[in-house]
Amino acid sequence: MNKKEFGILTFESTQHAIKAESDLVKAEIKTKTIPTPRDITLSCGLAIRVDLDDIDKIKELYDNGDLKFKNLYTIRESTEGRFLKKLL
């Protein structure tokens, strides 16, 4: 079975996404800016994909006010389909 799992951060605006990407890079978190998946939201065209290994560090940055985003999701893609779970 082929599967991929990763996190997605969504934002209110493109400016928020760009600022968050900079904050994540400063925190040494690997990121990839991607178009926001349509099954998540249509509010902002950009999202940031992150490794699941960094989710706890991202939550800590968010809780401390050092990182702002609209929502945090995990996505699991496999041969059975795409499964989305909202974490924050």
PDB file of N, CA and C in Angstrom:
ATOM      1  N   MET A   1       0.845  -1.180   0.000  1.00  0.00           N
ATOM      2  CA  MET A   1       0.000   0.000   0.000  1.00  0.00           C
ATOM      3  C   MET A   1       0.894   1.248   0.000  1.00  0.00           C
ATOM      4  N   ASN A   2       0.656   2.131  -0.938  1.00  0.00           N
ATOM      5  CA  ASN A   2       1.403   3.377  -1.046  1.00  0.00           C
ATOM      6  C   ASN A   2       0.655   4.466  -0.294  1.00  0.00           C
ATOM      7  N   LYS A   3       1.335   5.116   0.689  1.00  0.00           N
ATOM      8  CA  LYS A   3       0.665   6.194   1.408  1.00  0.00           C
ATOM      9  C   LYS A   3       1.644   7.297   1.757  1.00  0.00           C
ATOM     10  N   LYS A   4       1.103   8.507   1.876  1.00  0.00           N
ATOM     11  CA  LYS A   4       1.878   9.677   2.267  1.00  0.00           C
ATOM     12  C   LYS A   4       1.113  10.390   3.371  1.00  0.00           C
ATOM     13  N   GLU A   5       1.851  10.884   4.352  1.00  0.00           N
ATOM     14  CA  GLU A   5       1.235  11.654   5.423  1.00  0.00           C
ATOM     15  C   GLU A   5       2.037  12.940   5.629  1.00  0.00           C
ATOM     16  N   PHE A   6       1.320  14.044   5.846  1.00  0.00           N
ATOM     17  CA  PHE A   6       1.971  15.327   6.045  1.00  0.00           C
ATOM     18  C   PHE A   6       0.999  16.287   6.701  1.00  0.00           C
ATOM     19  N   GLY A   7       1.511  17.438   7.124  1.00  0.00           N
ATOM     20  CA  GLY A   7       0.683  18.483   7.717  1.00  0.00           C
ATOM     21  C   GLY A   7       0.502  19.631   6.742  1.00  0.00           C
ATOM     22  N   ILE A   8      -0.610  20.350   6.896  1.00  0.00           N
ATOM     23  CA  ILE A   8      -0.911  21.518   6.073  1.00  0.00           C
ATOM     24  C   ILE A   8      -1.340  22.661   6.998  1.00  0.00           C
ATOM     25  N   LEU A   9      -0.713  23.817   6.824  1.00  0.00           N
ATOM     26  CA  LEU A   9      -1.121  25.033   7.527  1.00  0.00           C
ATOM     27  C   LEU A   9      -1.879  25.907   6.540  1.00  0.00           C
ATOM     28  N   THR A  10      -3.024  26.443   6.970  1.00  0.00           N
ATOM     29  CA  THR A  10      -3.790  27.356   6.120  1.00  0.00           C
ATOM     30  C   THR A  10      -3.803  28.741   6.756  1.00  0.00           C
ATOM     31  N   PHE A  11      -4.140  29.752   5.936  1.00  0.00           N
ATOM     32  CA  PHE A  11      -4.010  31.140   6.359  1.00  0.00           C
ATOM     33  C   PHE A  11      -5.175  31.981   5.883  1.00  0.00           C
ATOM     34  N   GLU A  12      -5.335  33.143   6.516  1.00  0.00           N
ATOM     35  CA  GLU A  12      -6.367  34.103   6.135  1.00  0.00           C
ATOM     36  C   GLU A  12      -5.987  34.853   4.864  1.00  0.00           C
ATOM     37  N   SER A  13      -4.672  35.052   4.645  1.00  0.00           N
ATOM     38  CA  SER A  13      -4.233  35.829   3.490  1.00  0.00           C
ATOM     39  C   SER A  13      -2.848  35.369   3.039  1.00  0.00           C
ATOM     40  N   THR A  14      -2.481  35.791   1.848  1.00  0.00           N
ATOM     41  CA  THR A  14      -1.163  35.475   1.309  1.00  0.00           C
ATOM     42  C   THR A  14      -0.065  36.078   2.185  1.00  0.00           C
ATOM     43  N   GLN A  15      -0.288  37.285   2.685  1.00  0.00           N
ATOM     44  CA  GLN A  15       0.703  37.925   3.544  1.00  0.00           C
ATOM     45  C   GLN A  15       0.963  37.108   4.806  1.00  0.00           C
ATOM     46  N   HIS A  16      -0.100  36.541   5.381  1.00  0.00           N
ATOM     47  CA  HIS A  16       0.061  35.698   6.574  1.00  0.00           C
ATOM     48  C   HIS A  16       0.864  34.445   6.236  1.00  0.00           C
ATOM     49  N   ALA A  17       0.620  33.869   5.072  1.00  0.00           N
ATOM     50  CA  ALA A  17       1.354  32.667   4.659  1.00  0.00           C
ATOM     51  C   ALA A  17       2.842  32.965   4.487  1.00  0.00           C
ATOM     52  N   ILE A  18       3.150  34.090   3.865  1.00  0.00           N
ATOM     53  CA  ILE A  18       4.550  34.472   3.643  1.00  0.00           C
ATOM     54  C   ILE A  18       5.265  34.720   4.979  1.00  0.00           C
ATOM     55  N   LYS A  19       4.591  35.408   5.900  1.00  0.00           N
ATOM     56  CA  LYS A  19       5.172  35.669   7.229  1.00  0.00           C
ATOM     57  C   LYS A  19       5.398  34.356   7.977  1.00  0.00           C
ATOM     58  N   ALA A  20       4.415  33.449   7.926  1.00  0.00           N
ATOM     59  CA  ALA A  20       4.547  32.163   8.626  1.00  0.00           C
ATOM     60  C   ALA A  20       5.685  31.343   8.043  1.00  0.00           C
ATOM     61  N   GLU A  21       5.837  31.371   6.731  1.00  0.00           N
ATOM     62  CA  GLU A  21       6.940  30.626   6.112  1.00  0.00           C
ATOM     63  C   GLU A  21       8.279  31.133   6.639  1.00  0.00           C
ATOM     64  N   SER A  22       8.425  32.445   6.731  1.00  0.00           N
ATOM     65  CA  SER A  22       9.644  33.031   7.276  1.00  0.00           C
ATOM     66  C   SER A  22       9.865  32.605   8.728  1.00  0.00           C
ATOM     67  N   ASP A  23       8.802  32.624   9.531  1.00  0.00           N
ATOM     68  CA  ASP A  23       8.899  32.222  10.936  1.00  0.00           C
ATOM     69  C   ASP A  23       9.274  30.746  11.073  1.00  0.00           C
ATOM     70  N   LEU A  24       8.725  29.907  10.212  1.00  0.00           N
ATOM     71  CA  LEU A  24       9.037  28.481  10.254  1.00  0.00           C
ATOM     72  C   LEU A  24      10.489  28.216   9.854  1.00  0.00           C
ATOM     73  N   VAL A  25      10.965  28.910   8.854  1.00  0.00           N
ATOM     74  CA  VAL A  25      12.364  28.758   8.431  1.00  0.00           C
ATOM     75  C   VAL A  25      13.302  29.178   9.562  1.00  0.00           C
ATOM     76  N   LYS A  26      12.978  30.282  10.246  1.00  0.00           N
ATOM     77  CA  LYS A  26      13.785  30.729  11.390  1.00  0.00           C
ATOM     78  C   LYS A  26      13.817  29.678  12.490  1.00  0.00           C
ATOM     79  N   ALA A  27      12.711  28.946  12.635  1.00  0.00           N
ATOM     80  CA  ALA A  27      12.622  27.893  13.654  1.00  0.00           C
ATOM     81  C   ALA A  27      13.203  26.566  13.154  1.00  0.00           C
ATOM     82  N   GLU A  28      13.819  26.613  11.967  1.00  0.00           N
ATOM     83  CA  GLU A  28      14.458  25.440  11.360  1.00  0.00           C
ATOM     84  C   GLU A  28      13.473  24.310  11.087  1.00  0.00           C
ATOM     85  N   ILE A  29      12.279  24.691  10.629  1.00  0.00           N
ATOM     86  CA  ILE A  29      11.258  23.726  10.231  1.00  0.00           C
ATOM     87  C   ILE A  29      11.185  23.730   8.709  1.00  0.00           C
ATOM     88  N   LYS A  30      11.322  22.547   8.133  1.00  0.00           N
ATOM     89  CA  LYS A  30      11.290  22.407   6.685  1.00  0.00           C
ATOM     90  C   LYS A  30       9.866  22.654   6.176  1.00  0.00           C
ATOM     91  N   THR A  31       9.745  23.513   5.154  1.00  0.00           N
ATOM     92  CA  THR A  31       8.437  23.860   4.621  1.00  0.00           C
ATOM     93  C   THR A  31       8.407  23.744   3.111  1.00  0.00           C
ATOM     94  N   LYS A  32       7.200  23.682   2.589  1.00  0.00           N
ATOM     95  CA  LYS A  32       6.981  23.767   1.150  1.00  0.00           C
ATOM     96  C   LYS A  32       5.682  24.532   0.946  1.00  0.00           C
ATOM     97  N   THR A  33       5.763  25.674   0.263  1.00  0.00           N
ATOM     98  CA  THR A  33       4.567  26.460  -0.027  1.00  0.00           C
ATOM     99  C   THR A  33       3.860  25.821  -1.217  1.00  0.00           C
ATOM    100  N   ILE A  34       2.553  25.608  -1.040  1.00  0.00           N
ATOM    101  CA  ILE A  34       1.754  24.922  -2.057  1.00  0.00           C
ATOM    102  C   ILE A  34       0.424  25.653  -2.241  1.00  0.00           C
ATOM    103  N   PRO A  35      -0.267  25.409  -3.344  1.00  0.00           N
ATOM    104  CA  PRO A  35      -1.636  25.921  -3.458  1.00  0.00           C
ATOM    105  C   PRO A  35      -2.504  25.244  -2.384  1.00  0.00           C
ATOM    106  N   THR A  36      -3.400  26.001  -1.780  1.00  0.00           N
ATOM    107  CA  THR A  36      -4.272  25.416  -0.764  1.00  0.00           C
ATOM    108  C   THR A  36      -5.181  24.372  -1.414  1.00  0.00           C
ATOM    109  N   PRO A  37      -5.174  23.142  -0.881  1.00  0.00           N
ATOM    110  CA  PRO A  37      -6.069  22.117  -1.439  1.00  0.00           C
ATOM    111  C   PRO A  37      -7.532  22.565  -1.347  1.00  0.00           C
ATOM    112  N   ARG A  38      -8.279  22.372  -2.402  1.00  0.00           N
ATOM    113  CA  ARG A  38      -9.678  22.825  -2.456  1.00  0.00           C
ATOM    114  C   ARG A  38     -10.567  22.134  -1.429  1.00  0.00           C
ATOM    115  N   ASP A  39     -10.200  20.924  -1.032  1.00  0.00           N
ATOM    116  CA  ASP A  39     -11.030  20.230  -0.047  1.00  0.00           C
ATOM    117  C   ASP A  39     -10.794  20.748   1.371  1.00  0.00           C
ATOM    118  N   ILE A  40      -9.862  21.682   1.535  1.00  0.00           N
ATOM    119  CA  ILE A  40      -9.610  22.269   2.852  1.00  0.00           C
ATOM    120  C   ILE A  40     -10.315  23.606   2.976  1.00  0.00           C
ATOM    121  N   THR A  41      -9.950  24.586   2.141  1.00  0.00           N
ATOM    122  CA  THR A  41     -10.541  25.920   2.245  1.00  0.00           C
ATOM    123  C   THR A  41     -10.279  26.705   0.971  1.00  0.00           C
ATOM    124  N   LEU A  42     -11.081  27.727   0.770  1.00  0.00           N
ATOM    125  CA  LEU A  42     -10.883  28.613  -0.368  1.00  0.00           C
ATOM    126  C   LEU A  42     -10.490  30.021   0.081  1.00  0.00           C
ATOM    127  N   SER A  43     -10.199  30.218   1.374  1.00  0.00           N
ATOM    128  CA  SER A  43      -9.956  31.569   1.878  1.00  0.00           C
ATOM    129  C   SER A  43      -8.646  32.173   1.402  1.00  0.00           C
ATOM    130  N   CYS A  44      -7.607  31.408   1.283  1.00  0.00           N
ATOM    131  CA  CYS A  44      -6.306  31.911   0.825  1.00  0.00           C
ATOM    132  C   CYS A  44      -5.748  30.901  -0.157  1.00  0.00           C
ATOM    133  N   GLY A  45      -5.108  31.383  -1.187  1.00  0.00           N
ATOM    134  CA  GLY A  45      -4.594  30.497  -2.225  1.00  0.00           C
ATOM    135  C   GLY A  45      -3.331  29.757  -1.868  1.00  0.00           C
ATOM    136  N   LEU A  46      -2.665  30.157  -0.769  1.00  0.00           N
ATOM    137  CA  LEU A  46      -1.420  29.517  -0.371  1.00  0.00           C
ATOM    138  C   LEU A  46      -1.574  28.751   0.940  1.00  0.00           C
ATOM    139  N   ALA A  47      -0.887  27.633   1.007  1.00  0.00           N
ATOM    140  CA  ALA A  47      -0.805  26.837   2.233  1.00  0.00           C
ATOM    141  C   ALA A  47       0.646  26.411   2.392  1.00  0.00           C
ATOM    142  N   ILE A  48       0.991  25.933   3.560  1.00  0.00           N
ATOM    143  CA  ILE A  48       2.343  25.441   3.798  1.00  0.00           C
ATOM    144  C   ILE A  48       2.261  23.980   4.215  1.00  0.00           C
ATOM    145  N   ARG A  49       3.022  23.174   3.504  1.00  0.00           N
ATOM    146  CA  ARG A  49       3.110  21.743   3.807  1.00  0.00           C
ATOM    147  C   ARG A  49       4.304  21.530   4.726  1.00  0.00           C
ATOM    148  N   VAL A  50       4.103  20.731   5.778  1.00  0.00           N
ATOM    149  CA  VAL A  50       5.159  20.446   6.753  1.00  0.00           C
ATOM    150  C   VAL A  50       5.202  18.950   7.040  1.00  0.00           C
ATOM    151  N   ASP A  51       6.338  18.513   7.567  1.00  0.00           N
ATOM    152  CA  ASP A  51       6.479  17.114   7.975  1.00  0.00           C
ATOM    153  C   ASP A  51       5.734  16.884   9.285  1.00  0.00           C
ATOM    154  N   LEU A  52       5.177  15.709   9.442  1.00  0.00           N
ATOM    155  CA  LEU A  52       4.474  15.383  10.688  1.00  0.00           C
ATOM    156  C   LEU A  52       5.408  15.409  11.884  1.00  0.00           C
ATOM    157  N   ASP A  53       6.695  15.149  11.657  1.00  0.00           N
ATOM    158  CA  ASP A  53       7.663  15.178  12.756  1.00  0.00           C
ATOM    159  C   ASP A  53       7.767  16.555  13.404  1.00  0.00           C
ATOM    160  N   ASP A  54       7.360  17.600  12.689  1.00  0.00           N
ATOM    161  CA  ASP A  54       7.467  18.967  13.202  1.00  0.00           C
ATOM    162  C   ASP A  54       6.170  19.508  13.806  1.00  0.00           C
ATOM    163  N   ILE A  55       5.115  18.700  13.826  1.00  0.00           N
ATOM    164  CA  ILE A  55       3.803  19.177  14.300  1.00  0.00           C
ATOM    165  C   ILE A  55       3.860  19.678  15.743  1.00  0.00           C
ATOM    166  N   ASP A  56       4.534  18.956  16.630  1.00  0.00           N
ATOM    167  CA  ASP A  56       4.599  19.389  18.033  1.00  0.00           C
ATOM    168  C   ASP A  56       5.319  20.728  18.166  1.00  0.00           C
ATOM    169  N   LYS A  57       6.383  20.910  17.415  1.00  0.00           N
ATOM    170  CA  LYS A  57       7.120  22.178  17.452  1.00  0.00           C
ATOM    171  C   LYS A  57       6.260  23.309  16.890  1.00  0.00           C
ATOM    172  N   ILE A  58       5.492  23.032  15.850  1.00  0.00           N
ATOM    173  CA  ILE A  58       4.593  24.031  15.261  1.00  0.00           C
ATOM    174  C   ILE A  58       3.504  24.413  16.259  1.00  0.00           C
ATOM    175  N   LYS A  59       2.926  23.431  16.939  1.00  0.00           N
ATOM    176  CA  LYS A  59       1.910  23.721  17.956  1.00  0.00           C
ATOM    177  C   LYS A  59       2.480  24.579  19.083  1.00  0.00           C
ATOM    178  N   GLU A  60       3.711  24.295  19.469  1.00  0.00           N
ATOM    179  CA  GLU A  60       4.360  25.076  20.524  1.00  0.00           C
ATOM    180  C   GLU A  60       4.570  26.523  20.075  1.00  0.00           C
ATOM    181  N   LEU A  61       5.036  26.728  18.851  1.00  0.00           N
ATOM    182  CA  LEU A  61       5.203  28.078  18.314  1.00  0.00           C
ATOM    183  C   LEU A  61       3.860  28.815  18.280  1.00  0.00           C
ATOM    184  N   TYR A  62       2.809  28.103  17.888  1.00  0.00           N
ATOM    185  CA  TYR A  62       1.458  28.685  17.824  1.00  0.00           C
ATOM    186  C   TYR A  62       0.975  29.070  19.226  1.00  0.00           C
ATOM    187  N   ASP A  63       1.124  28.160  20.170  1.00  0.00           N
ATOM    188  CA  ASP A  63       0.673  28.420  21.545  1.00  0.00           C
ATOM    189  C   ASP A  63       1.418  29.593  22.188  1.00  0.00           C
ATOM    190  N   ASN A  64       2.698  29.763  21.811  1.00  0.00           N
ATOM    191  CA  ASN A  64       3.507  30.858  22.356  1.00  0.00           C
ATOM    192  C   ASN A  64       3.266  32.184  21.633  1.00  0.00           C
ATOM    193  N   GLY A  65       2.465  32.155  20.567  1.00  0.00           N
ATOM    194  CA  GLY A  65       2.200  33.363  19.799  1.00  0.00           C
ATOM    195  C   GLY A  65       3.285  33.713  18.801  1.00  0.00           C
ATOM    196  N   ASP A  66       4.226  32.784  18.578  1.00  0.00           N
ATOM    197  CA  ASP A  66       5.335  33.030  17.661  1.00  0.00           C
ATOM    198  C   ASP A  66       5.000  32.647  16.217  1.00  0.00           C
ATOM    199  N   LEU A  67       3.851  32.040  16.004  1.00  0.00           N
ATOM    200  CA  LEU A  67       3.435  31.607  14.674  1.00  0.00           C
ATOM    201  C   LEU A  67       1.925  31.743  14.584  1.00  0.00           C
ATOM    202  N   LYS A  68       1.457  32.350  13.496  1.00  0.00           N
ATOM    203  CA  LYS A  68       0.012  32.529  13.317  1.00  0.00           C
ATOM    204  C   LYS A  68      -0.428  31.835  12.039  1.00  0.00           C
ATOM    205  N   PHE A  69      -1.518  31.092  12.158  1.00  0.00           N
ATOM    206  CA  PHE A  69      -2.137  30.443  11.002  1.00  0.00           C
ATOM    207  C   PHE A  69      -3.604  30.233  11.308  1.00  0.00           C
ATOM    208  N   LYS A  70      -4.367  29.934  10.264  1.00  0.00           N
ATOM    209  CA  LYS A  70      -5.813  29.746  10.430  1.00  0.00           C
ATOM    210  C   LYS A  70      -6.114  28.353  10.982  1.00  0.00           C
ATOM    211  N   ASN A  71      -5.629  27.329  10.294  1.00  0.00           N
ATOM    212  CA  ASN A  71      -5.875  25.954  10.708  1.00  0.00           C
ATOM    213  C   ASN A  71      -4.664  25.081  10.435  1.00  0.00           C
ATOM    214  N   LEU A  72      -4.600  23.975  11.161  1.00  0.00           N
ATOM    215  CA  LEU A  72      -3.573  22.953  10.968  1.00  0.00           C
ATOM    216  C   LEU A  72      -4.276  21.634  10.712  1.00  0.00           C
ATOM    217  N   TYR A  73      -3.919  20.980   9.624  1.00  0.00           N
ATOM    218  CA  TYR A  73      -4.512  19.700   9.239  1.00  0.00           C
ATOM    219  C   TYR A  73      -3.428  18.653   9.055  1.00  0.00           C
ATOM    220  N   THR A  74      -3.808  17.406   9.222  1.00  0.00           N
ATOM    221  CA  THR A  74      -2.966  16.312   8.746  1.00  0.00           C
ATOM    222  C   THR A  74      -3.709  15.683   7.572  1.00  0.00           C
ATOM    223  N   ILE A  75      -2.936  15.282   6.601  1.00  0.00           N
ATOM    224  CA  ILE A  75      -3.491  14.620   5.424  1.00  0.00           C
ATOM    225  C   ILE A  75      -2.775  13.299   5.237  1.00  0.00           C
ATOM    226  N   ARG A  76      -3.550  12.282   5.002  1.00  0.00           N
ATOM    227  CA  ARG A  76      -3.001  10.967   4.694  1.00  0.00           C
ATOM    228  C   ARG A  76      -3.552  10.561   3.339  1.00  0.00           C
ATOM    229  N   GLU A  77      -2.649  10.325   2.408  1.00  0.00           N
ATOM    230  CA  GLU A  77      -3.044   9.880   1.077  1.00  0.00           C
ATOM    231  C   GLU A  77      -2.597   8.443   0.910  1.00  0.00           C
ATOM    232  N   SER A  78      -3.507   7.609   0.456  1.00  0.00           N
ATOM    233  CA  SER A  78      -3.177   6.205   0.218  1.00  0.00           C
ATOM    234  C   SER A  78      -3.987   5.714  -0.972  1.00  0.00           C
ATOM    235  N   THR A  79      -3.821   4.468  -1.278  1.00  0.00           N
ATOM    236  CA  THR A  79      -4.572   3.888  -2.393  1.00  0.00           C
ATOM    237  C   THR A  79      -6.062   3.855  -2.093  1.00  0.00           C
ATOM    238  N   GLU A  80      -6.450   3.943  -0.807  1.00  0.00           N
ATOM    239  CA  GLU A  80      -7.871   3.967  -0.433  1.00  0.00           C
ATOM    240  C   GLU A  80      -8.491   5.349  -0.554  1.00  0.00           C
ATOM    241  N   GLY A  81      -7.663   6.389  -0.685  1.00  0.00           N
ATOM    242  CA  GLY A  81      -8.178   7.739  -0.800  1.00  0.00           C
ATOM    243  C   GLY A  81      -7.383   8.736   0.009  1.00  0.00           C
ATOM    244  N   ARG A  82      -7.964   9.902   0.167  1.00  0.00           N
ATOM    245  CA  ARG A  82      -7.332  11.010   0.886  1.00  0.00           C
ATOM    246  C   ARG A  82      -8.133  11.291   2.148  1.00  0.00           C
ATOM    247  N   PHE A  83      -7.440  11.301   3.288  1.00  0.00           N
ATOM    248  CA  PHE A  83      -8.104  11.474   4.573  1.00  0.00           C
ATOM    249  C   PHE A  83      -7.562  12.720   5.259  1.00  0.00           C
ATOM    250  N   LEU A  84      -8.444  13.588   5.675  1.00  0.00           N
ATOM    251  CA  LEU A  84      -8.121  14.887   6.219  1.00  0.00           C
ATOM    252  C   LEU A  84      -8.570  14.943   7.674  1.00  0.00           C
ATOM    253  N   LYS A  85      -7.690  15.477   8.547  1.00  0.00           N
ATOM    254  CA  LYS A  85      -8.046  15.621   9.947  1.00  0.00           C
ATOM    255  C   LYS A  85      -7.601  17.006  10.430  1.00  0.00           C
ATOM    256  N   LYS A  86      -8.539  17.768  10.975  1.00  0.00           N
ATOM    257  CA  LYS A  86      -8.223  19.101  11.498  1.00  0.00           C
ATOM    258  C   LYS A  86      -7.682  18.974  12.912  1.00  0.00           C
ATOM    259  N   LEU A  87      -6.474  19.518  13.147  1.00  0.00           N
ATOM    260  CA  LEU A  87      -5.866  19.488  14.474  1.00  0.00           C
ATOM    261  C   LEU A  87      -6.087  20.786  15.242  1.00  0.00           C
ATOM    262  N   LEU A  88      -5.998  21.914  14.565  1.00  0.00           N
ATOM    263  CA  LEU A  88      -6.196  23.235  15.194  1.00  0.00           C
ATOM    264  C   LEU A  88      -6.998  24.104  14.263  1.00  0.00           C
TER     265      LEU A  88
END
